[in-house]
């Protein structure tokens, strides 16, 4: 049995090049639609970049590992999350044209096999998580509750996109917490006590018995970046939900697109405006320089163009605009990373 291309996947490497036997598994993990990986990954990279920029630190070898490790983790955890979502939503998916051919509702992969896929991806991700500082590990564990609850949100609230925003942007907190300790220690601690800072779970106890810790205020820029990301996701996932608005209405699935109805354009404009404001406050609290503000203007222009082009009756345009948020996230990442160049 061959695996047909899914309706919203477009031209992709899975359908073109993957072995036939692997295609259902790759589609279960949405590897045929890498935009989701980017949207999960970019907040984590932004958090890493913000921590380094706040303390004017160039990336070292460990920071380079963070960028690579977060990329691998985003691929795997997005795959695990999508598979879990498909397990929960398999009855709904079978009744929606865009999702009926997914591996579980189409019968290509069983529910037990999908659970094995979730567990395998999660275990590899756990191994990556354990290389991070303790605060980042705790945040990673805390994210599991958000991930587990997300598939049920569309049943109980008109705003499942807000919950997705909380979940998808959690990486901003994790990335910041992963990069912050070493960046802060290199800048803020005197040489005679910097060696006593123990950010990692496996760090040996200091011989002096002293404890060095970061104050909670050090994490404020990351929280602001995370909140801005939540509003960003509210905007772009409302665009994505426009594709299914008729099917969702028939089967009783709730979404921000349905809730906003004819007000979807001003709604997305408000979400994107708040995303801009929170990104600006995050940059200001981190003391980023003028290059950041130039990049932030470019970020805002990109989001504004999406609002202008939005047509609630054109699902194809909505999908194109949704996918363009990879570029929006990359612009913000560049703005943050370059924000430390000029004080």
C-alpha atoms as a PDB file:
ATOM      1  CA  UNK A   1       0.000   0.000   0.000  1.00  0.00           C
ATOM      2  CA  UNK A   2       1.483   3.352  -1.022  1.00  0.00           C
ATOM      3  CA  UNK A   3       1.299   6.434   1.169  1.00  0.00           C
ATOM      4  CA  UNK A   4      -0.492   9.307  -0.584  1.00  0.00           C
ATOM      5  CA  UNK A   5       0.621  12.913   0.033  1.00  0.00           C
ATOM      6  CA  UNK A   6      -1.426  14.615   2.757  1.00  0.00           C
ATOM      7  CA  UNK A   7      -3.548  17.592   1.633  1.00  0.00           C
ATOM      8  CA  UNK A   8      -1.649  20.340   3.501  1.00  0.00           C
ATOM      9  CA  UNK A   9       1.867  18.904   3.180  1.00  0.00           C
ATOM     10  CA  UNK A  10       2.684  20.359  -0.227  1.00  0.00           C
ATOM     11  CA  UNK A  11       5.788  19.201  -2.046  1.00  0.00           C
ATOM     12  CA  UNK A  12       8.051  17.595   0.525  1.00  0.00           C
ATOM     13  CA  UNK A  13      11.063  15.300   0.856  1.00  0.00           C
ATOM     14  CA  UNK A  14       9.097  12.501   2.544  1.00  0.00           C
ATOM     15  CA  UNK A  15       6.783  11.926  -0.428  1.00  0.00           C
ATOM     16  CA  UNK A  16       9.609  12.405  -2.917  1.00  0.00           C
ATOM     17  CA  UNK A  17      12.487  10.466  -1.390  1.00  0.00           C
ATOM     18  CA  UNK A  18      11.607   8.424   1.719  1.00  0.00           C
ATOM     19  CA  UNK A  19      11.291   4.625   1.472  1.00  0.00           C
ATOM     20  CA  UNK A  20       7.650   3.572   1.237  1.00  0.00           C
ATOM     21  CA  UNK A  21       7.789   1.680   4.536  1.00  0.00           C
ATOM     22  CA  UNK A  22       9.034   4.741   6.426  1.00  0.00           C
ATOM     23  CA  UNK A  23       6.548   7.222   4.998  1.00  0.00           C
ATOM     24  CA  UNK A  24       3.706   6.535   7.479  1.00  0.00           C
ATOM     25  CA  UNK A  25       6.105   6.921  10.424  1.00  0.00           C
ATOM     26  CA  UNK A  26       7.599  10.123   9.093  1.00  0.00           C
ATOM     27  CA  UNK A  27       4.118  11.482   8.453  1.00  0.00           C
ATOM     28  CA  UNK A  28       3.024  10.475  11.943  1.00  0.00           C
ATOM     29  CA  UNK A  29       5.824  12.711  13.238  1.00  0.00           C
ATOM     30  CA  UNK A  30       4.943  15.418  10.651  1.00  0.00           C
ATOM     31  CA  UNK A  31       8.391  15.305   9.089  1.00  0.00           C
ATOM     32  CA  UNK A  32       6.652  15.958   5.779  1.00  0.00           C
ATOM     33  CA  UNK A  33       5.697  19.375   7.192  1.00  0.00           C
ATOM     34  CA  UNK A  34       8.824  20.825   8.816  1.00  0.00           C
ATOM     35  CA  UNK A  35       7.228  24.211   9.499  1.00  0.00           C
ATOM     36  CA  UNK A  36       6.034  22.858  12.850  1.00  0.00           C
ATOM     37  CA  UNK A  37       9.598  21.933  13.798  1.00  0.00           C
ATOM     38  CA  UNK A  38      10.717  25.472  13.036  1.00  0.00           C
ATOM     39  CA  UNK A  39       7.906  27.017  15.059  1.00  0.00           C
ATOM     40  CA  UNK A  40       8.765  24.829  18.056  1.00  0.00           C
ATOM     41  CA  UNK A  41      12.526  25.303  17.670  1.00  0.00           C
ATOM     42  CA  UNK A  42      12.773  29.044  17.104  1.00  0.00           C
ATOM     43  CA  UNK A  43      11.578  30.145  20.575  1.00  0.00           C
ATOM     44  CA  UNK A  44      14.249  27.884  22.112  1.00  0.00           C
ATOM     45  CA  UNK A  45      16.962  29.382  19.924  1.00  0.00           C
ATOM     46  CA  UNK A  46      15.641  32.852  20.733  1.00  0.00           C
ATOM     47  CA  UNK A  47      15.886  32.087  24.455  1.00  0.00           C
ATOM     48  CA  UNK A  48      19.500  30.913  24.093  1.00  0.00           C
ATOM     49  CA  UNK A  49      20.376  34.002  22.055  1.00  0.00           C
ATOM     50  CA  UNK A  50      18.663  36.299  24.582  1.00  0.00           C
ATOM     51  CA  UNK A  51      20.670  34.889  27.494  1.00  0.00           C
ATOM     52  CA  UNK A  52      23.940  35.338  25.601  1.00  0.00           C
ATOM     53  CA  UNK A  53      23.013  38.822  24.376  1.00  0.00           C
ATOM     54  CA  UNK A  54      21.934  39.974  27.833  1.00  0.00           C
ATOM     55  CA  UNK A  55      25.424  39.278  29.173  1.00  0.00           C
ATOM     56  CA  UNK A  56      27.221  40.197  25.925  1.00  0.00           C
ATOM     57  CA  UNK A  57      28.701  36.719  25.649  1.00  0.00           C
ATOM     58  CA  UNK A  58      29.714  35.095  22.342  1.00  0.00           C
ATOM     59  CA  UNK A  59      28.558  31.495  21.973  1.00  0.00           C
ATOM     60  CA  UNK A  60      31.044  28.935  23.276  1.00  0.00           C
ATOM     61  CA  UNK A  61      31.217  25.212  22.592  1.00  0.00           C
ATOM     62  CA  UNK A  62      28.507  24.430  25.127  1.00  0.00           C
ATOM     63  CA  UNK A  63      26.223  27.073  23.607  1.00  0.00           C
ATOM     64  CA  UNK A  64      26.770  25.554  20.168  1.00  0.00           C
ATOM     65  CA  UNK A  65      25.696  22.213  21.643  1.00  0.00           C
ATOM     66  CA  UNK A  66      22.579  23.934  22.968  1.00  0.00           C
ATOM     67  CA  UNK A  67      21.639  25.100  19.471  1.00  0.00           C
ATOM     68  CA  UNK A  68      22.195  21.594  18.072  1.00  0.00           C
ATOM     69  CA  UNK A  69      20.582  19.800  21.009  1.00  0.00           C
ATOM     70  CA  UNK A  70      17.498  22.022  20.901  1.00  0.00           C
ATOM     71  CA  UNK A  71      17.187  21.359  17.158  1.00  0.00           C
ATOM     72  CA  UNK A  72      17.260  17.586  17.665  1.00  0.00           C
ATOM     73  CA  UNK A  73      14.930  17.861  20.645  1.00  0.00           C
ATOM     74  CA  UNK A  74      12.463  20.002  18.703  1.00  0.00           C
ATOM     75  CA  UNK A  75      12.325  17.426  15.900  1.00  0.00           C
ATOM     76  CA  UNK A  76      11.728  14.570  18.316  1.00  0.00           C
ATOM     77  CA  UNK A  77       9.324  16.254  20.726  1.00  0.00           C
ATOM     78  CA  UNK A  78       7.292  17.739  17.921  1.00  0.00           C
ATOM     79  CA  UNK A  79       7.062  14.241  16.435  1.00  0.00           C
ATOM     80  CA  UNK A  80       6.035  12.781  19.805  1.00  0.00           C
ATOM     81  CA  UNK A  81       3.502  15.548  20.388  1.00  0.00           C
ATOM     82  CA  UNK A  82       1.946  15.147  16.950  1.00  0.00           C
ATOM     83  CA  UNK A  83       1.673  11.388  17.384  1.00  0.00           C
ATOM     84  CA  UNK A  84       0.058  11.839  20.802  1.00  0.00           C
ATOM     85  CA  UNK A  85      -2.322  14.410  19.344  1.00  0.00           C
ATOM     86  CA  UNK A  86      -3.260  11.972  16.548  1.00  0.00           C
ATOM     87  CA  UNK A  87      -3.900   9.191  19.062  1.00  0.00           C
ATOM     88  CA  UNK A  88      -6.300  11.410  21.006  1.00  0.00           C
ATOM     89  CA  UNK A  89      -7.927  12.947  17.918  1.00  0.00           C
ATOM     90  CA  UNK A  90      -8.140   9.828  15.727  1.00  0.00           C
ATOM     91  CA  UNK A  91     -11.960   9.844  15.652  1.00  0.00           C
ATOM     92  CA  UNK A  92     -12.129  13.558  14.832  1.00  0.00           C
ATOM     93  CA  UNK A  93      -9.377  13.238  12.209  1.00  0.00           C
ATOM     94  CA  UNK A  94     -11.278  10.504  10.389  1.00  0.00           C
ATOM     95  CA  UNK A  95     -14.148  12.953   9.839  1.00  0.00           C
ATOM     96  CA  UNK A  96     -12.111  15.921   8.562  1.00  0.00           C
ATOM     97  CA  UNK A  97     -11.016  15.965   4.910  1.00  0.00           C
ATOM     98  CA  UNK A  98      -7.586  17.472   5.639  1.00  0.00           C
ATOM     99  CA  UNK A  99      -6.690  14.861   8.277  1.00  0.00           C
ATOM    100  CA  UNK A 100      -8.512  11.690   7.222  1.00  0.00           C
ATOM    101  CA  UNK A 101      -5.434  10.293   5.431  1.00  0.00           C
ATOM    102  CA  UNK A 102      -3.113  10.650   8.426  1.00  0.00           C
ATOM    103  CA  UNK A 103      -1.455   7.346   9.390  1.00  0.00           C
ATOM    104  CA  UNK A 104      -3.673   6.476  12.367  1.00  0.00           C
ATOM    105  CA  UNK A 105      -7.170   7.267  11.005  1.00  0.00           C
ATOM    106  CA  UNK A 106      -6.216   5.727   7.653  1.00  0.00           C
ATOM    107  CA  UNK A 107      -5.121   2.511   9.388  1.00  0.00           C
ATOM    108  CA  UNK A 108      -1.472   2.552   8.276  1.00  0.00           C
ATOM    109  CA  UNK A 109      -0.246   2.720  11.884  1.00  0.00           C
ATOM    110  CA  UNK A 110      -2.048   1.241  14.881  1.00  0.00           C
ATOM    111  CA  UNK A 111      -2.602   3.057  18.156  1.00  0.00           C
ATOM    112  CA  UNK A 112      -0.140   0.704  19.934  1.00  0.00           C
ATOM    113  CA  UNK A 113       2.510   1.384  17.324  1.00  0.00           C
ATOM    114  CA  UNK A 114       1.911   5.117  17.689  1.00  0.00           C
ATOM    115  CA  UNK A 115       2.386   4.874  21.457  1.00  0.00           C
ATOM    116  CA  UNK A 116       5.699   3.092  20.905  1.00  0.00           C
ATOM    117  CA  UNK A 117       6.723   5.935  18.599  1.00  0.00           C
ATOM    118  CA  UNK A 118       5.840   8.505  21.279  1.00  0.00           C
ATOM    119  CA  UNK A 119       7.850   6.655  23.924  1.00  0.00           C
ATOM    120  CA  UNK A 120      10.897   6.224  21.668  1.00  0.00           C
ATOM    121  CA  UNK A 121      11.036   9.903  20.691  1.00  0.00           C
ATOM    122  CA  UNK A 122      10.525  10.947  24.315  1.00  0.00           C
ATOM    123  CA  UNK A 123      13.345   8.780  25.653  1.00  0.00           C
ATOM    124  CA  UNK A 124      15.875  10.190  23.192  1.00  0.00           C
ATOM    125  CA  UNK A 125      14.691  13.698  24.069  1.00  0.00           C
ATOM    126  CA  UNK A 126      15.151  12.905  27.750  1.00  0.00           C
ATOM    127  CA  UNK A 127      18.792  12.003  27.129  1.00  0.00           C
ATOM    128  CA  UNK A 128      19.307  15.440  25.550  1.00  0.00           C
ATOM    129  CA  UNK A 129      17.432  17.169  28.370  1.00  0.00           C
ATOM    130  CA  UNK A 130      19.755  15.673  30.984  1.00  0.00           C
ATOM    131  CA  UNK A 131      22.739  17.486  29.454  1.00  0.00           C
ATOM    132  CA  UNK A 132      21.190  20.845  30.445  1.00  0.00           C
ATOM    133  CA  UNK A 133      21.445  22.836  33.684  1.00  0.00           C
ATOM    134  CA  UNK A 134      19.081  21.872  36.484  1.00  0.00           C
ATOM    135  CA  UNK A 135      16.641  24.763  35.948  1.00  0.00           C
ATOM    136  CA  UNK A 136      16.230  23.826  32.282  1.00  0.00           C
ATOM    137  CA  UNK A 137      15.640  20.170  33.190  1.00  0.00           C
ATOM    138  CA  UNK A 138      12.894  21.157  35.629  1.00  0.00           C
ATOM    139  CA  UNK A 139      11.290  23.346  32.978  1.00  0.00           C
ATOM    140  CA  UNK A 140      11.480  20.486  30.489  1.00  0.00           C
ATOM    141  CA  UNK A 141       9.700  18.149  32.887  1.00  0.00           C
ATOM    142  CA  UNK A 142       7.117  20.854  33.583  1.00  0.00           C
ATOM    143  CA  UNK A 143       6.317  21.167  29.886  1.00  0.00           C
ATOM    144  CA  UNK A 144       4.915  17.632  29.797  1.00  0.00           C
ATOM    145  CA  UNK A 145       1.693  18.754  31.446  1.00  0.00           C
ATOM    146  CA  UNK A 146       1.148  21.374  28.750  1.00  0.00           C
ATOM    147  CA  UNK A 147       1.866  18.857  25.989  1.00  0.00           C
ATOM    148  CA  UNK A 148      -0.448  16.225  27.470  1.00  0.00           C
ATOM    149  CA  UNK A 149      -3.361  18.645  27.913  1.00  0.00           C
ATOM    150  CA  UNK A 150      -3.199  20.325  24.502  1.00  0.00           C
ATOM    151  CA  UNK A 151      -5.204  17.772  22.430  1.00  0.00           C
ATOM    152  CA  UNK A 152      -8.141  18.168  24.826  1.00  0.00           C
ATOM    153  CA  UNK A 153      -8.258  21.964  24.721  1.00  0.00           C
ATOM    154  CA  UNK A 154     -10.233  22.106  21.475  1.00  0.00           C
ATOM    155  CA  UNK A 155     -13.007  20.234  23.287  1.00  0.00           C
ATOM    156  CA  UNK A 156     -13.311  22.603  26.243  1.00  0.00           C
ATOM    157  CA  UNK A 157     -12.267  26.110  25.115  1.00  0.00           C
ATOM    158  CA  UNK A 158     -12.586  28.369  22.100  1.00  0.00           C
ATOM    159  CA  UNK A 159      -8.908  29.217  22.527  1.00  0.00           C
ATOM    160  CA  UNK A 160      -6.859  26.015  22.080  1.00  0.00           C
ATOM    161  CA  UNK A 161      -4.408  28.167  20.104  1.00  0.00           C
ATOM    162  CA  UNK A 162      -3.555  29.986  23.343  1.00  0.00           C
ATOM    163  CA  UNK A 163      -2.671  26.684  25.001  1.00  0.00           C
ATOM    164  CA  UNK A 164      -0.572  25.766  21.981  1.00  0.00           C
ATOM    165  CA  UNK A 165       1.195  29.107  22.443  1.00  0.00           C
ATOM    166  CA  UNK A 166       2.012  28.287  26.053  1.00  0.00           C
ATOM    167  CA  UNK A 167       3.377  24.920  24.918  1.00  0.00           C
ATOM    168  CA  UNK A 168       5.226  25.787  21.709  1.00  0.00           C
ATOM    169  CA  UNK A 169       7.018  28.766  23.249  1.00  0.00           C
ATOM    170  CA  UNK A 170       8.076  26.978  26.430  1.00  0.00           C
ATOM    171  CA  UNK A 171      11.411  26.490  24.686  1.00  0.00           C
ATOM    172  CA  UNK A 172      12.105  30.223  25.163  1.00  0.00           C
ATOM    173  CA  UNK A 173      12.186  29.627  28.916  1.00  0.00           C
ATOM    174  CA  UNK A 174      14.191  26.425  28.557  1.00  0.00           C
ATOM    175  CA  UNK A 175      16.725  27.877  26.124  1.00  0.00           C
ATOM    176  CA  UNK A 176      17.268  30.908  28.316  1.00  0.00           C
ATOM    177  CA  UNK A 177      17.611  28.764  31.441  1.00  0.00           C
ATOM    178  CA  UNK A 178      20.070  26.484  29.630  1.00  0.00           C
ATOM    179  CA  UNK A 179      22.369  29.280  28.433  1.00  0.00           C
ATOM    180  CA  UNK A 180      21.996  31.756  31.294  1.00  0.00           C
ATOM    181  CA  UNK A 181      24.082  30.143  34.074  1.00  0.00           C
ATOM    182  CA  UNK A 182      27.380  29.958  32.191  1.00  0.00           C
ATOM    183  CA  UNK A 183      26.837  33.338  30.491  1.00  0.00           C
ATOM    184  CA  UNK A 184      26.040  35.014  33.822  1.00  0.00           C
ATOM    185  CA  UNK A 185      28.907  33.311  35.661  1.00  0.00           C
ATOM    186  CA  UNK A 186      31.411  34.430  33.028  1.00  0.00           C
ATOM    187  CA  UNK A 187      30.244  38.038  33.326  1.00  0.00           C
ATOM    188  CA  UNK A 188      28.924  38.664  36.806  1.00  0.00           C
ATOM    189  CA  UNK A 189      30.928  36.446  39.178  1.00  0.00           C
ATOM    190  CA  UNK A 190      34.438  37.193  40.374  1.00  0.00           C
ATOM    191  CA  UNK A 191      37.006  34.620  39.282  1.00  0.00           C
ATOM    192  CA  UNK A 192      37.571  33.408  42.840  1.00  0.00           C
ATOM    193  CA  UNK A 193      33.963  32.282  43.294  1.00  0.00           C
ATOM    194  CA  UNK A 194      32.816  31.559  39.711  1.00  0.00           C
ATOM    195  CA  UNK A 195      34.203  28.037  40.093  1.00  0.00           C
ATOM    196  CA  UNK A 196      31.713  27.476  42.940  1.00  0.00           C
ATOM    197  CA  UNK A 197      28.686  27.995  40.689  1.00  0.00           C
ATOM    198  CA  UNK A 198      26.985  24.620  40.204  1.00  0.00           C
ATOM    199  CA  UNK A 199      24.312  24.917  37.505  1.00  0.00           C
ATOM    200  CA  UNK A 200      24.227  21.265  36.425  1.00  0.00           C
ATOM    201  CA  UNK A 201      22.422  18.395  38.060  1.00  0.00           C
ATOM    202  CA  UNK A 202      25.612  16.359  38.094  1.00  0.00           C
ATOM    203  CA  UNK A 203      27.817  19.184  39.439  1.00  0.00           C
ATOM    204  CA  UNK A 204      29.894  18.179  42.454  1.00  0.00           C
ATOM    205  CA  UNK A 205      29.334  20.026  45.717  1.00  0.00           C
ATOM    206  CA  UNK A 206      31.665  22.969  46.254  1.00  0.00           C
ATOM    207  CA  UNK A 207      34.543  22.216  48.636  1.00  0.00           C
ATOM    208  CA  UNK A 208      34.022  25.568  50.361  1.00  0.00           C
ATOM    209  CA  UNK A 209      30.410  24.796  51.178  1.00  0.00           C
ATOM    210  CA  UNK A 210      29.300  28.103  49.626  1.00  0.00           C
ATOM    211  CA  UNK A 211      26.256  28.264  47.345  1.00  0.00           C
ATOM    212  CA  UNK A 212      26.010  30.623  44.373  1.00  0.00           C
ATOM    213  CA  UNK A 213      22.616  31.035  42.702  1.00  0.00           C
ATOM    214  CA  UNK A 214      20.922  33.364  40.227  1.00  0.00           C
ATOM    215  CA  UNK A 215      18.203  35.719  41.457  1.00  0.00           C
ATOM    216  CA  UNK A 216      14.773  35.269  39.916  1.00  0.00           C
ATOM    217  CA  UNK A 217      15.013  38.709  38.288  1.00  0.00           C
ATOM    218  CA  UNK A 218      17.601  37.306  35.868  1.00  0.00           C
ATOM    219  CA  UNK A 219      14.826  35.319  34.180  1.00  0.00           C
ATOM    220  CA  UNK A 220      12.449  38.266  33.574  1.00  0.00           C
ATOM    221  CA  UNK A 221      13.506  38.833  29.919  1.00  0.00           C
ATOM    222  CA  UNK A 222      12.811  35.168  29.145  1.00  0.00           C
ATOM    223  CA  UNK A 223       9.325  35.320  30.665  1.00  0.00           C
ATOM    224  CA  UNK A 224       8.547  38.410  28.591  1.00  0.00           C
ATOM    225  CA  UNK A 225       9.860  36.700  25.449  1.00  0.00           C
ATOM    226  CA  UNK A 226       7.708  33.663  26.230  1.00  0.00           C
ATOM    227  CA  UNK A 227       4.562  35.776  26.659  1.00  0.00           C
ATOM    228  CA  UNK A 228       5.284  37.498  23.357  1.00  0.00           C
ATOM    229  CA  UNK A 229       5.652  34.092  21.734  1.00  0.00           C
ATOM    230  CA  UNK A 230       2.280  33.012  23.101  1.00  0.00           C
ATOM    231  CA  UNK A 231       0.598  35.930  21.298  1.00  0.00           C
ATOM    232  CA  UNK A 232       2.621  35.198  18.156  1.00  0.00           C
ATOM    233  CA  UNK A 233       1.348  31.607  18.176  1.00  0.00           C
ATOM    234  CA  UNK A 234      -2.213  32.781  18.828  1.00  0.00           C
ATOM    235  CA  UNK A 235      -1.938  34.769  15.622  1.00  0.00           C
ATOM    236  CA  UNK A 236      -0.319  32.245  13.319  1.00  0.00           C
ATOM    237  CA  UNK A 237      -2.319  29.251  14.566  1.00  0.00           C
ATOM    238  CA  UNK A 238      -5.552  31.175  14.080  1.00  0.00           C
ATOM    239  CA  UNK A 239      -4.471  31.490  10.440  1.00  0.00           C
ATOM    240  CA  UNK A 240      -3.851  27.745  10.331  1.00  0.00           C
ATOM    241  CA  UNK A 241      -7.274  27.015  11.857  1.00  0.00           C
ATOM    242  CA  UNK A 242      -9.000  28.871   9.008  1.00  0.00           C
ATOM    243  CA  UNK A 243      -8.374  25.806   6.816  1.00  0.00           C
ATOM    244  CA  UNK A 244     -10.647  23.641   8.961  1.00  0.00           C
ATOM    245  CA  UNK A 245     -13.277  26.137  10.015  1.00  0.00           C
ATOM    246  CA  UNK A 246     -16.171  24.423   8.202  1.00  0.00           C
ATOM    247  CA  UNK A 247     -15.217  20.878   9.226  1.00  0.00           C
ATOM    248  CA  UNK A 248     -14.612  22.030  12.811  1.00  0.00           C
ATOM    249  CA  UNK A 249     -18.098  23.538  12.930  1.00  0.00           C
ATOM    250  CA  UNK A 250     -19.675  20.275  11.715  1.00  0.00           C
ATOM    251  CA  UNK A 251     -17.942  18.061  14.270  1.00  0.00           C
ATOM    252  CA  UNK A 252     -18.017  20.514  17.181  1.00  0.00           C
ATOM    253  CA  UNK A 253     -14.299  21.302  17.483  1.00  0.00           C
ATOM    254  CA  UNK A 254     -13.580  24.748  18.906  1.00  0.00           C
ATOM    255  CA  UNK A 255     -10.929  27.170  17.650  1.00  0.00           C
ATOM    256  CA  UNK A 256      -9.969  30.826  17.778  1.00  0.00           C
ATOM    257  CA  UNK A 257     -10.813  31.102  14.070  1.00  0.00           C
ATOM    258  CA  UNK A 258     -14.391  30.005  14.755  1.00  0.00           C
ATOM    259  CA  UNK A 259     -14.674  32.218  17.823  1.00  0.00           C
ATOM    260  CA  UNK A 260     -13.423  35.332  16.026  1.00  0.00           C
ATOM    261  CA  UNK A 261     -15.460  34.605  12.862  1.00  0.00           C
ATOM    262  CA  UNK A 262     -15.683  37.793  10.787  1.00  0.00           C
ATOM    263  CA  UNK A 263     -13.382  39.587  13.257  1.00  0.00           C
ATOM    264  CA  UNK A 264     -10.456  37.270  12.518  1.00  0.00           C
ATOM    265  CA  UNK A 265      -8.379  39.983  10.820  1.00  0.00           C
ATOM    266  CA  UNK A 266      -8.531  42.492  13.726  1.00  0.00           C
ATOM    267  CA  UNK A 267      -8.091  39.580  16.136  1.00  0.00           C
ATOM    268  CA  UNK A 268      -4.875  38.420  14.488  1.00  0.00           C
ATOM    269  CA  UNK A 269      -3.732  42.056  14.305  1.00  0.00           C
ATOM    270  CA  UNK A 270      -4.180  42.397  18.078  1.00  0.00           C
ATOM    271  CA  UNK A 271      -2.317  39.131  18.745  1.00  0.00           C
ATOM    272  CA  UNK A 272       0.593  40.152  16.526  1.00  0.00           C
ATOM    273  CA  UNK A 273       0.640  43.646  18.020  1.00  0.00           C
ATOM    274  CA  UNK A 274       0.925  42.211  21.522  1.00  0.00           C
ATOM    275  CA  UNK A 275       3.657  39.848  20.306  1.00  0.00           C
ATOM    276  CA  UNK A 276       5.603  42.883  19.099  1.00  0.00           C
ATOM    277  CA  UNK A 277       5.108  44.780  22.351  1.00  0.00           C
ATOM    278  CA  UNK A 278       6.252  41.887  24.521  1.00  0.00           C
ATOM    279  CA  UNK A 279       9.294  41.212  22.322  1.00  0.00           C
ATOM    280  CA  UNK A 280      10.199  44.892  22.644  1.00  0.00           C
ATOM    281  CA  UNK A 281       9.851  44.833  26.443  1.00  0.00           C
ATOM    282  CA  UNK A 282      11.944  41.641  26.582  1.00  0.00           C
ATOM    283  CA  UNK A 283      14.691  43.265  24.538  1.00  0.00           C
ATOM    284  CA  UNK A 284      14.608  46.420  26.640  1.00  0.00           C
ATOM    285  CA  UNK A 285      14.779  44.469  29.905  1.00  0.00           C
ATOM    286  CA  UNK A 286      17.809  42.585  28.569  1.00  0.00           C
ATOM    287  CA  UNK A 287      19.493  45.859  27.599  1.00  0.00           C
ATOM    288  CA  UNK A 288      19.787  45.019  23.904  1.00  0.00           C
ATOM    289  CA  UNK A 289      21.272  47.614  21.570  1.00  0.00           C
ATOM    290  CA  UNK A 290      19.971  49.491  18.504  1.00  0.00           C
ATOM    291  CA  UNK A 291      20.452  46.601  16.067  1.00  0.00           C
ATOM    292  CA  UNK A 292      17.763  44.725  18.003  1.00  0.00           C
ATOM    293  CA  UNK A 293      15.284  47.545  17.459  1.00  0.00           C
ATOM    294  CA  UNK A 294      15.982  47.624  13.742  1.00  0.00           C
ATOM    295  CA  UNK A 295      15.349  43.883  13.584  1.00  0.00           C
ATOM    296  CA  UNK A 296      12.208  44.277  15.663  1.00  0.00           C
ATOM    297  CA  UNK A 297      10.815  46.733  13.121  1.00  0.00           C
ATOM    298  CA  UNK A 298      11.445  44.158  10.372  1.00  0.00           C
ATOM    299  CA  UNK A 299       9.656  41.554  12.513  1.00  0.00           C
ATOM    300  CA  UNK A 300       6.678  43.876  12.891  1.00  0.00           C
ATOM    301  CA  UNK A 301       6.545  44.618   9.174  1.00  0.00           C
ATOM    302  CA  UNK A 302       6.484  40.890   8.414  1.00  0.00           C
ATOM    303  CA  UNK A 303       3.602  40.317  10.840  1.00  0.00           C
ATOM    304  CA  UNK A 304       1.706  43.344   9.502  1.00  0.00           C
ATOM    305  CA  UNK A 305       1.971  42.038   5.938  1.00  0.00           C
ATOM    306  CA  UNK A 306       0.372  38.790   7.073  1.00  0.00           C
ATOM    307  CA  UNK A 307      -2.582  40.691   8.514  1.00  0.00           C
ATOM    308  CA  UNK A 308      -2.990  42.722   5.327  1.00  0.00           C
ATOM    309  CA  UNK A 309      -2.975  39.608   3.117  1.00  0.00           C
ATOM    310  CA  UNK A 310      -5.311  37.587   5.354  1.00  0.00           C
ATOM    311  CA  UNK A 311      -8.507  36.335   3.699  1.00  0.00           C
ATOM    312  CA  UNK A 312     -10.700  34.288   6.036  1.00  0.00           C
ATOM    313  CA  UNK A 313     -12.354  32.580   3.065  1.00  0.00           C
ATOM    314  CA  UNK A 314      -9.112  31.457   1.405  1.00  0.00           C
ATOM    315  CA  UNK A 315      -7.543  28.484   3.190  1.00  0.00           C
ATOM    316  CA  UNK A 316      -4.639  28.300   0.729  1.00  0.00           C
ATOM    317  CA  UNK A 317      -3.577  31.869   1.508  1.00  0.00           C
ATOM    318  CA  UNK A 318      -3.992  31.196   5.220  1.00  0.00           C
ATOM    319  CA  UNK A 319      -1.647  28.200   4.964  1.00  0.00           C
ATOM    320  CA  UNK A 320       0.935  30.250   3.054  1.00  0.00           C
ATOM    321  CA  UNK A 321       0.823  32.999   5.671  1.00  0.00           C
ATOM    322  CA  UNK A 322       1.082  30.447   8.467  1.00  0.00           C
ATOM    323  CA  UNK A 323       4.194  28.926   6.897  1.00  0.00           C
ATOM    324  CA  UNK A 324       5.772  32.363   6.483  1.00  0.00           C
ATOM    325  CA  UNK A 325       6.125  32.559  10.259  1.00  0.00           C
ATOM    326  CA  UNK A 326       9.364  30.612   9.975  1.00  0.00           C
ATOM    327  CA  UNK A 327      10.842  33.759   8.438  1.00  0.00           C
ATOM    328  CA  UNK A 328       9.195  35.928  11.106  1.00  0.00           C
ATOM    329  CA  UNK A 329      10.774  33.826  13.857  1.00  0.00           C
ATOM    330  CA  UNK A 330      14.165  33.894  12.161  1.00  0.00           C
ATOM    331  CA  UNK A 331      13.996  37.694  11.904  1.00  0.00           C
ATOM    332  CA  UNK A 332      13.342  37.978  15.642  1.00  0.00           C
ATOM    333  CA  UNK A 333      16.135  35.492  16.363  1.00  0.00           C
ATOM    334  CA  UNK A 334      18.586  37.564  14.309  1.00  0.00           C
ATOM    335  CA  UNK A 335      17.437  40.752  16.024  1.00  0.00           C
ATOM    336  CA  UNK A 336      18.092  39.251  19.458  1.00  0.00           C
ATOM    337  CA  UNK A 337      21.423  37.687  18.513  1.00  0.00           C
ATOM    338  CA  UNK A 338      22.701  40.929  16.964  1.00  0.00           C
ATOM    339  CA  UNK A 339      21.278  43.080  19.734  1.00  0.00           C
ATOM    340  CA  UNK A 340      24.457  42.747  21.773  1.00  0.00           C
ATOM    341  CA  UNK A 341      26.771  44.105  19.062  1.00  0.00           C
ATOM    342  CA  UNK A 342      26.272  47.778  19.896  1.00  0.00           C
ATOM    343  CA  UNK A 343      25.620  48.738  23.543  1.00  0.00           C
END
